[in-house]
Amino acid sequence: MNEELDGILEEMMRALRGLALEREMSVPDIVREALGEYLLARAPGVNLFDVIHGIESAMRREGRFVTDADPAGLAIRIKSPIRYVYRPELKYEVRAVRNGRAGDGKAAFGTLGVALRTHDIEMLRRFAGFTGLWIELEREYLAPAGQITYVTDAGYFGRQIFRPETARRGDGPSVGEAISNYICVFDELLKDYFNHRDSRELEQRYLARLAEGKLTI
């Protein structure tokens, strides 16, 4: 029995040394990274790997997005096609974080980032106009100022995300589904705003989606 165990351990060490050599890391660093990923994925309340896979599955069902999931890094990147003369790129990224905190001390699940890559100044202005309105709507109807941290820059919008109240506790796929719903609504309204720029219509449609429970992250 001891010989069998010794053989298993030796095989594991050979695999670890090979992986360490391939990634130019030490064996202890490889072990610490793997343990950290395991503990983060098994954080109380939800399996974060399941959340990433849940987002990937939901976005693929939509049919209009291209996804690139990185479960080991607890992140997923999503490309949304956008028709415009200068062929801009619109990308979303969801990333889980350790011990994120909102302004009221509430634990944050992670972050959502939206990046618009374009050389068209007018399109960047429209994006800034949309995200400014979006933040105002969230502060009025979803969470008061200070409860959600936002980051904005030219062609960039980022915010904290939290476990949705509508998601079943401990159910990673349902959390992923809720995050996907939010991205889909944001994407839909953003593209409509590019075409029409009607803030009143944007508010009405936002409230309709909020009532459907699709924006509560």
C-alpha atoms as a PDB file:
ATOM      1  CA  MET A   1       0.000   0.000   0.000  1.00  0.00           C
ATOM      2  CA  ASN A   2       2.837   2.366   0.915  1.00  0.00           C
ATOM      3  CA  GLU A   3       4.604   1.576  -2.366  1.00  0.00           C
ATOM      4  CA  GLU A   4       1.404   2.395  -4.282  1.00  0.00           C
ATOM      5  CA  LEU A   5       1.030   5.706  -2.408  1.00  0.00           C
ATOM      6  CA  ASP A   6       4.690   6.549  -2.991  1.00  0.00           C
ATOM      7  CA  GLY A   7       4.172   5.904  -6.703  1.00  0.00           C
ATOM      8  CA  ILE A   8       1.162   8.232  -6.819  1.00  0.00           C
ATOM      9  CA  LEU A   9       3.034  10.982  -4.983  1.00  0.00           C
ATOM     10  CA  GLU A  10       6.053  10.631  -7.276  1.00  0.00           C
ATOM     11  CA  GLU A  11       3.802  10.866 -10.338  1.00  0.00           C
ATOM     12  CA  MET A  12       2.152  13.990  -8.919  1.00  0.00           C
ATOM     13  CA  MET A  13       5.541  15.580  -8.254  1.00  0.00           C
ATOM     14  CA  ARG A  14       6.702  14.840 -11.804  1.00  0.00           C
ATOM     15  CA  ALA A  15       3.540  16.492 -13.158  1.00  0.00           C
ATOM     16  CA  LEU A  16       4.024  19.504 -10.856  1.00  0.00           C
ATOM     17  CA  ARG A  17       7.683  19.896 -11.851  1.00  0.00           C
ATOM     18  CA  GLY A  18       6.744  19.682 -15.529  1.00  0.00           C
ATOM     19  CA  LEU A  19       4.019  22.316 -15.114  1.00  0.00           C
ATOM     20  CA  ALA A  20       6.357  24.564 -13.110  1.00  0.00           C
ATOM     21  CA  LEU A  21       8.996  24.313 -15.835  1.00  0.00           C
ATOM     22  CA  GLU A  22       6.434  25.054 -18.553  1.00  0.00           C
ATOM     23  CA  ARG A  23       5.101  28.124 -16.737  1.00  0.00           C
ATOM     24  CA  GLU A  24       8.519  29.241 -15.420  1.00  0.00           C
ATOM     25  CA  MET A  25       7.320  29.051 -11.816  1.00  0.00           C
ATOM     26  CA  SER A  26       8.440  27.169  -8.715  1.00  0.00           C
ATOM     27  CA  VAL A  27       6.558  24.076  -7.537  1.00  0.00           C
ATOM     28  CA  PRO A  28       5.456  25.808  -4.270  1.00  0.00           C
ATOM     29  CA  ASP A  29       4.085  28.727  -6.312  1.00  0.00           C
ATOM     30  CA  ILE A  30       2.105  26.304  -8.501  1.00  0.00           C
ATOM     31  CA  VAL A  31       0.645  24.632  -5.393  1.00  0.00           C
ATOM     32  CA  ARG A  32      -0.226  27.980  -3.758  1.00  0.00           C
ATOM     33  CA  GLU A  33      -1.939  29.195  -6.961  1.00  0.00           C
ATOM     34  CA  ALA A  34      -3.988  25.994  -7.275  1.00  0.00           C
ATOM     35  CA  LEU A  35      -4.984  26.120  -3.598  1.00  0.00           C
ATOM     36  CA  GLY A  36      -5.963  29.785  -3.889  1.00  0.00           C
ATOM     37  CA  GLU A  37      -8.147  29.072  -6.921  1.00  0.00           C
ATOM     38  CA  TYR A  38      -9.800  26.164  -5.106  1.00  0.00           C
ATOM     39  CA  LEU A  39     -10.541  28.190  -1.977  1.00  0.00           C
ATOM     40  CA  LEU A  40     -11.868  31.140  -3.995  1.00  0.00           C
ATOM     41  CA  ALA A  41     -14.100  28.861  -6.057  1.00  0.00           C
ATOM     42  CA  ARG A  42     -15.452  27.303  -2.848  1.00  0.00           C
ATOM     43  CA  ALA A  43     -16.130  30.645  -1.153  1.00  0.00           C
ATOM     44  CA  PRO A  44     -19.273  30.574   1.015  1.00  0.00           C
ATOM     45  CA  GLY A  45     -22.532  31.079  -0.821  1.00  0.00           C
ATOM     46  CA  VAL A  46     -21.615  30.357  -4.427  1.00  0.00           C
ATOM     47  CA  ASN A  47     -19.135  28.390  -6.546  1.00  0.00           C
ATOM     48  CA  LEU A  48     -17.438  31.041  -8.681  1.00  0.00           C
ATOM     49  CA  PHE A  49     -16.438  28.564 -11.383  1.00  0.00           C
ATOM     50  CA  ASP A  50     -20.137  27.738 -11.806  1.00  0.00           C
ATOM     51  CA  VAL A  51     -20.929  31.448 -12.160  1.00  0.00           C
ATOM     52  CA  ILE A  52     -18.412  31.859 -15.009  1.00  0.00           C
ATOM     53  CA  HIS A  53     -19.749  28.764 -16.764  1.00  0.00           C
ATOM     54  CA  GLY A  54     -23.313  30.016 -16.178  1.00  0.00           C
ATOM     55  CA  ILE A  55     -22.523  33.334 -17.868  1.00  0.00           C
ATOM     56  CA  GLU A  56     -20.850  31.550 -20.782  1.00  0.00           C
ATOM     57  CA  SER A  57     -23.838  29.235 -21.334  1.00  0.00           C
ATOM     58  CA  ALA A  58     -26.386  32.057 -21.132  1.00  0.00           C
ATOM     59  CA  MET A  59     -24.473  34.333 -23.511  1.00  0.00           C
ATOM     60  CA  ARG A  60     -24.066  31.537 -26.049  1.00  0.00           C
ATOM     61  CA  ARG A  61     -27.812  30.917 -25.996  1.00  0.00           C
ATOM     62  CA  GLU A  62     -28.329  34.541 -27.011  1.00  0.00           C
ATOM     63  CA  GLY A  63     -26.541  33.763 -30.256  1.00  0.00           C
ATOM     64  CA  ARG A  64     -25.186  37.261 -30.911  1.00  0.00           C
ATOM     65  CA  PHE A  65     -22.178  37.278 -28.592  1.00  0.00           C
ATOM     66  CA  VAL A  66     -18.699  35.733 -28.835  1.00  0.00           C
ATOM     67  CA  THR A  67     -17.389  34.492 -25.478  1.00  0.00           C
ATOM     68  CA  ASP A  68     -13.917  33.699 -24.167  1.00  0.00           C
ATOM     69  CA  ALA A  69     -14.156  32.115 -20.725  1.00  0.00           C
ATOM     70  CA  ASP A  70     -11.202  31.783 -18.358  1.00  0.00           C
ATOM     71  CA  PRO A  71     -12.540  29.670 -15.446  1.00  0.00           C
ATOM     72  CA  ALA A  72      -9.077  29.307 -13.876  1.00  0.00           C
ATOM     73  CA  GLY A  73      -8.770  33.099 -13.787  1.00  0.00           C
ATOM     74  CA  LEU A  74     -12.412  33.479 -12.727  1.00  0.00           C
ATOM     75  CA  ALA A  75     -13.132  35.781 -15.666  1.00  0.00           C
ATOM     76  CA  ILE A  76     -15.039  35.829 -18.936  1.00  0.00           C
ATOM     77  CA  ARG A  77     -14.745  38.204 -21.873  1.00  0.00           C
ATOM     78  CA  ILE A  78     -17.645  38.822 -24.228  1.00  0.00           C
ATOM     79  CA  LYS A  79     -17.529  40.512 -27.624  1.00  0.00           C
ATOM     80  CA  SER A  80     -20.691  42.149 -28.942  1.00  0.00           C
ATOM     81  CA  PRO A  81     -20.954  42.901 -32.673  1.00  0.00           C
ATOM     82  CA  ILE A  82     -21.768  46.495 -33.488  1.00  0.00           C
ATOM     83  CA  ARG A  83     -22.488  47.849 -36.952  1.00  0.00           C
ATOM     84  CA  TYR A  84     -20.881  51.175 -37.671  1.00  0.00           C
ATOM     85  CA  VAL A  85     -18.826  52.727 -40.426  1.00  0.00           C
ATOM     86  CA  TYR A  86     -15.558  52.698 -38.417  1.00  0.00           C
ATOM     87  CA  ARG A  87     -15.998  49.071 -37.270  1.00  0.00           C
ATOM     88  CA  PRO A  88     -15.686  49.664 -33.512  1.00  0.00           C
ATOM     89  CA  GLU A  89     -15.236  46.879 -30.959  1.00  0.00           C
ATOM     90  CA  LEU A  90     -17.544  46.504 -27.960  1.00  0.00           C
ATOM     91  CA  LYS A  91     -16.315  44.136 -25.262  1.00  0.00           C
ATOM     92  CA  TYR A  92     -17.587  43.100 -21.827  1.00  0.00           C
ATOM     93  CA  GLU A  93     -15.562  41.463 -19.077  1.00  0.00           C
ATOM     94  CA  VAL A  94     -16.829  39.901 -15.852  1.00  0.00           C
ATOM     95  CA  ARG A  95     -14.183  39.154 -13.240  1.00  0.00           C
ATOM     96  CA  ALA A  96     -14.576  37.690  -9.758  1.00  0.00           C
ATOM     97  CA  VAL A  97     -12.626  39.440  -6.999  1.00  0.00           C
ATOM     98  CA  ARG A  98     -11.507  38.598  -3.483  1.00  0.00           C
ATOM     99  CA  ASN A  99     -13.186  40.450  -0.634  1.00  0.00           C
ATOM    100  CA  GLY A 100     -14.677  43.241  -2.745  1.00  0.00           C
ATOM    101  CA  ARG A 101     -16.566  45.868  -0.757  1.00  0.00           C
ATOM    102  CA  ALA A 102     -19.215  48.406  -1.620  1.00  0.00           C
ATOM    103  CA  GLY A 103     -19.534  51.771   0.049  1.00  0.00           C
ATOM    104  CA  ASP A 104     -21.861  50.330   2.699  1.00  0.00           C
ATOM    105  CA  GLY A 105     -19.526  47.393   3.441  1.00  0.00           C
ATOM    106  CA  LYS A 106     -21.607  44.898   1.476  1.00  0.00           C
ATOM    107  CA  ALA A 107     -19.525  42.122  -0.089  1.00  0.00           C
ATOM    108  CA  ALA A 108     -19.149  42.450  -3.860  1.00  0.00           C
ATOM    109  CA  PHE A 109     -19.038  39.380  -6.113  1.00  0.00           C
ATOM    110  CA  GLY A 110     -16.830  40.978  -8.730  1.00  0.00           C
ATOM    111  CA  THR A 111     -16.642  43.613 -11.440  1.00  0.00           C
ATOM    112  CA  LEU A 112     -18.171  44.224 -14.838  1.00  0.00           C
ATOM    113  CA  GLY A 113     -16.199  46.228 -17.381  1.00  0.00           C
ATOM    114  CA  VAL A 114     -17.448  47.504 -20.736  1.00  0.00           C
ATOM    115  CA  ALA A 115     -14.918  48.800 -23.277  1.00  0.00           C
ATOM    116  CA  LEU A 116     -15.642  50.533 -26.575  1.00  0.00           C
ATOM    117  CA  ARG A 117     -12.684  50.637 -28.968  1.00  0.00           C
ATOM    118  CA  THR A 118     -13.124  53.231 -31.704  1.00  0.00           C
ATOM    119  CA  HIS A 119     -11.410  56.265 -33.245  1.00  0.00           C
ATOM    120  CA  ASP A 120     -14.748  57.999 -33.764  1.00  0.00           C
ATOM    121  CA  ILE A 121     -14.950  60.882 -31.255  1.00  0.00           C
ATOM    122  CA  GLU A 122     -18.716  61.276 -31.703  1.00  0.00           C
ATOM    123  CA  MET A 123     -19.286  57.624 -30.896  1.00  0.00           C
ATOM    124  CA  LEU A 124     -17.180  57.944 -27.745  1.00  0.00           C
ATOM    125  CA  ARG A 125     -19.295  60.960 -26.733  1.00  0.00           C
ATOM    126  CA  ARG A 126     -22.464  58.953 -27.236  1.00  0.00           C
ATOM    127  CA  PHE A 127     -21.047  56.140 -25.138  1.00  0.00           C
ATOM    128  CA  ALA A 128     -20.217  58.614 -22.364  1.00  0.00           C
ATOM    129  CA  GLY A 129     -23.723  60.077 -22.601  1.00  0.00           C
ATOM    130  CA  PHE A 130     -25.292  56.627 -22.298  1.00  0.00           C
ATOM    131  CA  THR A 131     -23.174  55.484 -19.355  1.00  0.00           C
ATOM    132  CA  GLY A 132     -23.807  58.760 -17.540  1.00  0.00           C
ATOM    133  CA  LEU A 133     -27.562  58.257 -17.915  1.00  0.00           C
ATOM    134  CA  TRP A 134     -27.230  54.608 -16.912  1.00  0.00           C
ATOM    135  CA  ILE A 135     -25.488  55.508 -13.662  1.00  0.00           C
ATOM    136  CA  GLU A 136     -28.154  58.131 -12.892  1.00  0.00           C
ATOM    137  CA  LEU A 137     -30.905  55.555 -13.453  1.00  0.00           C
ATOM    138  CA  GLU A 138     -29.211  52.980 -11.235  1.00  0.00           C
ATOM    139  CA  ARG A 139     -28.736  55.499  -8.451  1.00  0.00           C
ATOM    140  CA  GLU A 140     -32.375  56.536  -8.638  1.00  0.00           C
ATOM    141  CA  TYR A 141     -34.032  53.149  -9.056  1.00  0.00           C
ATOM    142  CA  LEU A 142     -31.550  50.444  -8.034  1.00  0.00           C
ATOM    143  CA  ALA A 143     -29.108  51.622  -5.363  1.00  0.00           C
ATOM    144  CA  PRO A 144     -28.378  55.042  -3.812  1.00  0.00           C
ATOM    145  CA  ALA A 145     -25.090  56.793  -4.574  1.00  0.00           C
ATOM    146  CA  GLY A 146     -22.181  55.157  -2.759  1.00  0.00           C
ATOM    147  CA  GLN A 147     -23.588  51.630  -2.662  1.00  0.00           C
ATOM    148  CA  ILE A 148     -22.101  50.734  -6.047  1.00  0.00           C
ATOM    149  CA  THR A 149     -18.626  51.831  -7.115  1.00  0.00           C
ATOM    150  CA  TYR A 150     -18.320  52.960 -10.753  1.00  0.00           C
ATOM    151  CA  VAL A 151     -15.284  53.633 -12.923  1.00  0.00           C
ATOM    152  CA  THR A 152     -15.653  55.642 -16.117  1.00  0.00           C
ATOM    153  CA  ASP A 153     -13.180  56.830 -18.720  1.00  0.00           C
ATOM    154  CA  ALA A 154     -13.118  57.538 -22.445  1.00  0.00           C
ATOM    155  CA  GLY A 155     -14.716  54.454 -23.955  1.00  0.00           C
ATOM    156  CA  TYR A 156     -14.911  52.590 -20.641  1.00  0.00           C
ATOM    157  CA  PHE A 157     -17.583  51.832 -18.035  1.00  0.00           C
ATOM    158  CA  GLY A 158     -17.045  49.649 -14.980  1.00  0.00           C
ATOM    159  CA  ARG A 159     -19.059  48.793 -11.887  1.00  0.00           C
ATOM    160  CA  GLN A 160     -19.154  46.410  -8.970  1.00  0.00           C
ATOM    161  CA  ILE A 161     -21.572  43.506  -9.199  1.00  0.00           C
ATOM    162  CA  PHE A 162     -23.270  41.643  -6.375  1.00  0.00           C
ATOM    163  CA  ARG A 163     -25.080  38.341  -5.894  1.00  0.00           C
ATOM    164  CA  PRO A 164     -28.571  39.037  -7.271  1.00  0.00           C
ATOM    165  CA  GLU A 165     -31.455  38.802  -4.841  1.00  0.00           C
ATOM    166  CA  THR A 166     -33.382  36.878  -7.504  1.00  0.00           C
ATOM    167  CA  ALA A 167     -30.705  34.145  -7.707  1.00  0.00           C
ATOM    168  CA  ARG A 168     -31.006  31.059  -5.526  1.00  0.00           C
ATOM    169  CA  ARG A 169     -28.419  31.028  -2.763  1.00  0.00           C
ATOM    170  CA  GLY A 170     -25.442  28.843  -3.588  1.00  0.00           C
ATOM    171  CA  ASP A 171     -26.615  28.335  -7.180  1.00  0.00           C
ATOM    172  CA  GLY A 172     -23.751  29.535  -9.377  1.00  0.00           C
ATOM    173  CA  PRO A 173     -25.528  29.029 -12.727  1.00  0.00           C
ATOM    174  CA  SER A 174     -28.492  31.186 -11.619  1.00  0.00           C
ATOM    175  CA  VAL A 175     -26.078  33.959 -10.601  1.00  0.00           C
ATOM    176  CA  GLY A 176     -24.419  33.658 -14.017  1.00  0.00           C
ATOM    177  CA  GLU A 177     -27.833  33.869 -15.685  1.00  0.00           C
ATOM    178  CA  ALA A 178     -28.656  37.076 -13.780  1.00  0.00           C
ATOM    179  CA  ILE A 179     -25.351  38.696 -14.746  1.00  0.00           C
ATOM    180  CA  SER A 180     -25.951  37.696 -18.380  1.00  0.00           C
ATOM    181  CA  ASN A 181     -29.416  39.291 -18.281  1.00  0.00           C
ATOM    182  CA  TYR A 182     -27.869  42.553 -17.104  1.00  0.00           C
ATOM    183  CA  ILE A 183     -25.274  42.518 -19.902  1.00  0.00           C
ATOM    184  CA  CYS A 184     -27.909  41.745 -22.542  1.00  0.00           C
ATOM    185  CA  VAL A 185     -30.132  44.644 -21.443  1.00  0.00           C
ATOM    186  CA  PHE A 186     -27.160  47.038 -21.221  1.00  0.00           C
ATOM    187  CA  ASP A 187     -26.057  45.972 -24.706  1.00  0.00           C
ATOM    188  CA  GLU A 188     -29.555  46.292 -26.184  1.00  0.00           C
ATOM    189  CA  LEU A 189     -30.214  49.753 -24.755  1.00  0.00           C
ATOM    190  CA  LEU A 190     -26.724  51.027 -25.578  1.00  0.00           C
ATOM    191  CA  LYS A 191     -27.089  50.170 -29.260  1.00  0.00           C
ATOM    192  CA  ASP A 192     -30.547  51.714 -29.409  1.00  0.00           C
ATOM    193  CA  TYR A 193     -29.157  54.849 -27.768  1.00  0.00           C
ATOM    194  CA  PHE A 194     -26.441  55.051 -30.441  1.00  0.00           C
ATOM    195  CA  ASN A 195     -29.209  55.175 -33.051  1.00  0.00           C
ATOM    196  CA  HIS A 196     -31.766  57.409 -31.301  1.00  0.00           C
ATOM    197  CA  ARG A 197     -30.253  59.067 -28.184  1.00  0.00           C
ATOM    198  CA  ASP A 198     -33.633  59.432 -26.502  1.00  0.00           C
ATOM    199  CA  SER A 199     -33.060  59.622 -22.725  1.00  0.00           C
ATOM    200  CA  ARG A 200     -36.793  59.482 -21.928  1.00  0.00           C
ATOM    201  CA  GLU A 201     -37.283  56.287 -23.917  1.00  0.00           C
ATOM    202  CA  LEU A 202     -34.125  54.862 -22.324  1.00  0.00           C
ATOM    203  CA  GLU A 203     -35.568  55.440 -18.852  1.00  0.00           C
ATOM    204  CA  GLN A 204     -38.874  53.794 -19.748  1.00  0.00           C
ATOM    205  CA  ARG A 205     -37.184  50.733 -21.170  1.00  0.00           C
ATOM    206  CA  TYR A 206     -34.797  50.562 -18.220  1.00  0.00           C
ATOM    207  CA  LEU A 207     -37.720  50.549 -15.791  1.00  0.00           C
ATOM    208  CA  ALA A 208     -39.479  47.844 -17.808  1.00  0.00           C
ATOM    209  CA  ARG A 209     -36.417  45.583 -17.655  1.00  0.00           C
ATOM    210  CA  LEU A 210     -35.907  46.382 -13.980  1.00  0.00           C
ATOM    211  CA  ALA A 211     -39.490  45.301 -13.275  1.00  0.00           C
ATOM    212  CA  GLU A 212     -38.730  42.018 -15.063  1.00  0.00           C
ATOM    213  CA  GLY A 213     -35.887  41.417 -12.601  1.00  0.00           C
ATOM    214  CA  LYS A 214     -33.155  41.596 -15.246  1.00  0.00           C
ATOM    215  CA  LEU A 215     -30.996  44.351 -13.757  1.00  0.00           C
ATOM    216  CA  THR A 216     -30.578  43.430 -10.100  1.00  0.00           C
ATOM    217  CA  ILE A 217     -26.838  42.720  -9.801  1.00  0.00           C
END
